């Protein structure tokens, strides 16, 4: 009995979570599932309903509430507001027609919305932002590290081109800033793809 999780029904009956597929309470709609590739079941909270529903682990909700409370207790309302507006994201999942749960990735989502050209276009746009952000971050970090290595070489007495060193470090700055500016773009376009798909399926 120790360590098992239960769902309390009507304040009396207890149901083991392993026996519950779906439930709803004042905090939202939940389902128990084992996402493809996961070794164990998890409790997922629905964050976007529809024929194609989006879920996040219940622990993501607790983590955001905890971080917001911690920032408020530190007396930093601006940081608390920023945390609420841009909460840290954990893994995100989706299910089509209440079927199997999959990780919300480009490949999985593209297969699920293959019958909606408009939604696929939005998902392709999200993917382009993902690739651009990753490439920019990798290239920027490479230039920055290369510049730092050369700067250390200068300090060690190596005869290196100082202008090239400064140029590498300077060029790394905009490349590292781009992913920070565009970090929310993939998620925004992916959500739009899902909403467009759900809207089209209702017509």
Protein backbone atom coordinates (compact mmCIF):
# COMPACT_ATOMS: atom_id res chain seq x y z
CA UNK A 1 0.00 0.00 0.00
CA UNK A 2 2.88 2.35 0.80
CA UNK A 3 3.82 4.67 -2.06
CA UNK A 4 0.75 3.93 -4.23
CA UNK A 5 -1.25 6.84 -5.65
CA UNK A 6 -5.03 6.99 -5.37
CA UNK A 7 -7.84 9.10 -6.79
CA UNK A 8 -10.48 10.03 -4.20
CA UNK A 9 -14.05 9.90 -5.60
CA UNK A 10 -16.89 11.74 -3.82
CA UNK A 11 -14.66 12.08 -0.79
CA UNK A 12 -15.03 8.38 0.00
CA UNK A 13 -14.12 5.84 -2.65
CA UNK A 14 -10.48 5.38 -3.55
CA UNK A 15 -9.38 4.26 -7.00
CA UNK A 16 -5.80 3.35 -7.80
CA UNK A 17 -4.46 5.61 -10.55
CA UNK A 18 -3.44 2.52 -12.49
CA UNK A 19 -7.16 1.77 -12.86
CA UNK A 20 -8.08 5.25 -14.13
CA UNK A 21 -7.76 6.25 -17.76
CA UNK A 22 -9.31 9.75 -17.64
CA UNK A 23 -10.49 12.08 -14.89
CA UNK A 24 -11.35 15.73 -14.36
CA UNK A 25 -11.18 18.03 -11.35
CA UNK A 26 -11.08 21.76 -10.60
CA UNK A 27 -7.55 22.07 -12.02
CA UNK A 28 -8.28 20.50 -15.39
CA UNK A 29 -8.77 17.37 -17.47
CA UNK A 30 -6.27 14.53 -17.03
CA UNK A 31 -5.49 11.17 -18.54
CA UNK A 32 -3.23 8.33 -17.54
CA UNK A 33 -1.12 7.04 -20.39
CA UNK A 34 2.22 5.60 -21.35
CA UNK A 35 3.56 7.75 -24.20
CA UNK A 36 5.26 5.88 -27.00
CA UNK A 37 8.87 5.28 -25.97
CA UNK A 38 8.22 5.76 -22.23
CA UNK A 39 8.83 2.90 -19.83
CA UNK A 40 6.08 3.83 -17.39
CA UNK A 41 2.69 5.48 -17.21
CA UNK A 42 2.40 9.17 -16.41
CA UNK A 43 -0.44 11.52 -15.53
CA UNK A 44 -0.96 14.09 -18.27
CA UNK A 45 -2.92 17.33 -18.07
CA UNK A 46 -4.75 18.50 -21.17
CA UNK A 47 -3.61 21.98 -22.21
CA UNK A 48 -5.28 22.14 -25.64
CA UNK A 49 -8.49 20.19 -26.35
CA UNK A 50 -9.72 19.03 -29.73
CA UNK A 51 -9.60 16.08 -32.06
CA UNK A 52 -5.86 16.43 -31.67
CA UNK A 53 -5.36 17.13 -27.94
CA UNK A 54 -2.14 18.40 -26.39
CA UNK A 55 -0.96 17.30 -22.95
CA UNK A 56 1.85 18.04 -20.56
CA UNK A 57 2.92 16.04 -17.49
CA UNK A 58 1.13 16.98 -14.30
CA UNK A 59 4.53 17.73 -12.73
CA UNK A 60 4.97 20.62 -15.20
CA UNK A 61 2.01 22.39 -13.61
CA UNK A 62 3.44 21.84 -10.12
CA UNK A 63 6.86 23.04 -11.24
CA UNK A 64 5.47 26.32 -12.62
CA UNK A 65 3.38 26.96 -9.49
CA UNK A 66 6.38 26.21 -7.27
CA UNK A 67 8.74 28.48 -9.20
CA UNK A 68 6.21 31.33 -9.23
CA UNK A 69 5.68 31.01 -5.46
CA UNK A 70 9.43 30.89 -4.84
CA UNK A 71 10.03 34.05 -6.88
CA UNK A 72 7.22 35.88 -5.10
CA UNK A 73 8.63 34.88 -1.73
CA UNK A 74 11.95 36.39 -2.81
CA UNK A 75 10.21 39.76 -3.23
CA UNK A 76 10.79 39.98 -6.99
CA UNK A 77 7.41 40.64 -8.66
CA UNK A 78 8.98 41.31 -12.07
CA UNK A 79 10.71 37.91 -12.05
CA UNK A 80 7.48 36.26 -10.91
CA UNK A 81 5.52 37.90 -13.72
CA UNK A 82 8.15 36.87 -16.25
CA UNK A 83 8.05 33.30 -14.98
CA UNK A 84 4.26 33.23 -15.31
CA UNK A 85 4.35 34.66 -18.83
CA UNK A 86 7.16 32.40 -20.03
CA UNK A 87 7.03 29.26 -17.85
CA UNK A 88 9.76 26.61 -18.19
CA UNK A 89 8.57 23.93 -20.56
CA UNK A 90 8.79 20.25 -19.90
CA UNK A 91 8.01 17.48 -22.36
CA UNK A 92 4.80 17.97 -24.37
CA UNK A 93 2.61 15.21 -25.79
CA UNK A 94 -0.43 14.84 -28.03
CA UNK A 95 -3.09 12.29 -28.84
CA UNK A 96 -5.37 12.06 -31.86
CA UNK A 97 -8.97 10.97 -31.23
CA UNK A 98 -8.03 9.98 -27.66
CA UNK A 99 -5.71 7.35 -29.11
CA UNK A 100 -2.08 6.58 -28.24
CA UNK A 101 0.00 9.40 -26.78
CA UNK A 102 3.05 10.59 -28.70
CA UNK A 103 5.78 13.13 -27.98
CA UNK A 104 5.02 16.42 -29.72
CA UNK A 105 7.83 16.35 -32.27
CA UNK A 106 7.96 17.41 -35.91
CA UNK A 107 7.87 13.85 -37.23
CA UNK A 108 5.04 12.62 -35.01
CA UNK A 109 2.88 15.69 -35.56
CA UNK A 110 3.45 15.75 -39.33
CA UNK A 111 2.19 12.18 -39.60
CA UNK A 112 -0.88 13.00 -37.49
CA UNK A 113 -1.91 16.05 -39.56
CA UNK A 114 -0.92 14.72 -42.99
CA UNK A 115 -4.49 15.22 -44.27
CA UNK A 116 -4.45 18.99 -43.64
CA UNK A 117 -2.18 20.94 -46.05
CA UNK A 118 -2.64 24.19 -44.12
CA UNK A 119 -1.65 22.63 -40.81
CA UNK A 120 1.33 20.93 -42.44
CA UNK A 121 2.49 24.31 -43.77
CA UNK A 122 2.41 25.80 -40.28
CA UNK A 123 4.26 22.79 -38.85
CA UNK A 124 6.91 23.08 -41.58
CA UNK A 125 7.38 26.71 -40.54
CA UNK A 126 7.82 25.66 -36.92
CA UNK A 127 10.42 23.13 -38.00
CA UNK A 128 12.36 25.76 -39.98
CA UNK A 129 12.56 27.94 -36.88
CA UNK A 130 13.77 24.96 -34.85
CA UNK A 131 16.52 24.18 -37.35
CA UNK A 132 17.53 27.84 -37.67
CA UNK A 133 17.69 28.30 -33.90
CA UNK A 134 19.79 25.17 -33.43
CA UNK A 135 22.17 26.01 -36.29
CA UNK A 136 22.60 29.59 -35.07
CA UNK A 137 23.28 28.47 -31.49
CA UNK A 138 25.80 25.80 -32.54
CA UNK A 139 27.65 28.12 -34.93
CA UNK A 140 27.64 30.99 -32.43
CA UNK A 141 28.97 28.78 -29.64
CA UNK A 142 31.65 27.40 -31.96
CA UNK A 143 32.84 30.90 -32.87
CA UNK A 144 32.78 32.02 -29.24
CA UNK A 145 34.78 29.02 -28.03
CA UNK A 146 37.19 29.38 -30.94
CA UNK A 147 37.71 33.04 -30.08
CA UNK A 148 38.26 32.24 -26.41
CA UNK A 149 40.83 29.56 -27.28
CA UNK A 150 42.68 32.03 -29.50
CA UNK A 151 42.50 34.71 -26.78
CA UNK A 152 44.04 32.28 -24.28
CA UNK A 153 46.73 31.53 -26.86
CA UNK A 154 47.48 35.25 -27.08
CA UNK A 155 47.91 35.40 -23.33
CA UNK A 156 50.26 32.42 -23.54
CA UNK A 157 52.48 34.23 -26.02
CA UNK A 158 51.29 32.56 -29.22
CA UNK A 159 51.61 34.69 -32.37
CA UNK A 160 47.96 34.73 -33.46
CA UNK A 161 45.93 37.23 -35.50
CA UNK A 162 44.23 39.43 -32.88
CA UNK A 163 41.75 40.91 -35.36
CA UNK A 164 40.57 37.43 -36.30
CA UNK A 165 40.13 36.54 -32.65
CA UNK A 166 38.02 39.64 -31.97
CA UNK A 167 36.11 39.07 -35.18
CA UNK A 168 35.20 35.52 -34.20
CA UNK A 169 34.00 36.59 -30.76
CA UNK A 170 32.10 39.55 -32.17
CA UNK A 171 30.40 37.41 -34.83
CA UNK A 172 29.27 34.94 -32.18
CA UNK A 173 27.12 37.53 -30.39
CA UNK A 174 24.32 37.98 -32.97
CA UNK A 175 24.32 34.24 -33.67
CA UNK A 176 23.75 33.52 -29.98
CA UNK A 177 21.12 36.26 -29.66
CA UNK A 178 18.97 34.99 -32.54
CA UNK A 179 17.82 31.78 -30.71
CA UNK A 180 16.91 33.88 -27.67
CA UNK A 181 14.74 36.19 -29.77
CA UNK A 182 13.11 33.39 -31.76
CA UNK A 183 12.94 30.76 -29.02
CA UNK A 184 9.11 30.86 -28.83
CA UNK A 185 8.51 30.85 -32.60
CA UNK A 186 8.52 27.03 -33.05
CA UNK A 187 6.00 26.52 -30.23
CA UNK A 188 3.76 29.33 -31.52
CA UNK A 189 3.61 27.95 -35.07
CA UNK A 190 3.19 24.38 -33.83
CA UNK A 191 0.22 25.42 -31.70
CA UNK A 192 -1.25 27.25 -34.70
CA UNK A 193 -0.85 24.10 -36.79
CA UNK A 194 -2.75 22.06 -34.19
CA UNK A 195 -5.48 24.68 -33.80
CA UNK A 196 -5.87 24.93 -37.57
CA UNK A 197 -6.13 21.15 -37.84
CA UNK A 198 -8.75 20.95 -35.09
CA UNK A 199 -10.76 23.80 -36.63
CA UNK A 200 -10.68 22.19 -40.07
CA UNK A 201 -11.85 18.87 -38.63
CA UNK A 202 -14.90 20.55 -37.04
CA UNK A 203 -16.18 21.92 -40.34
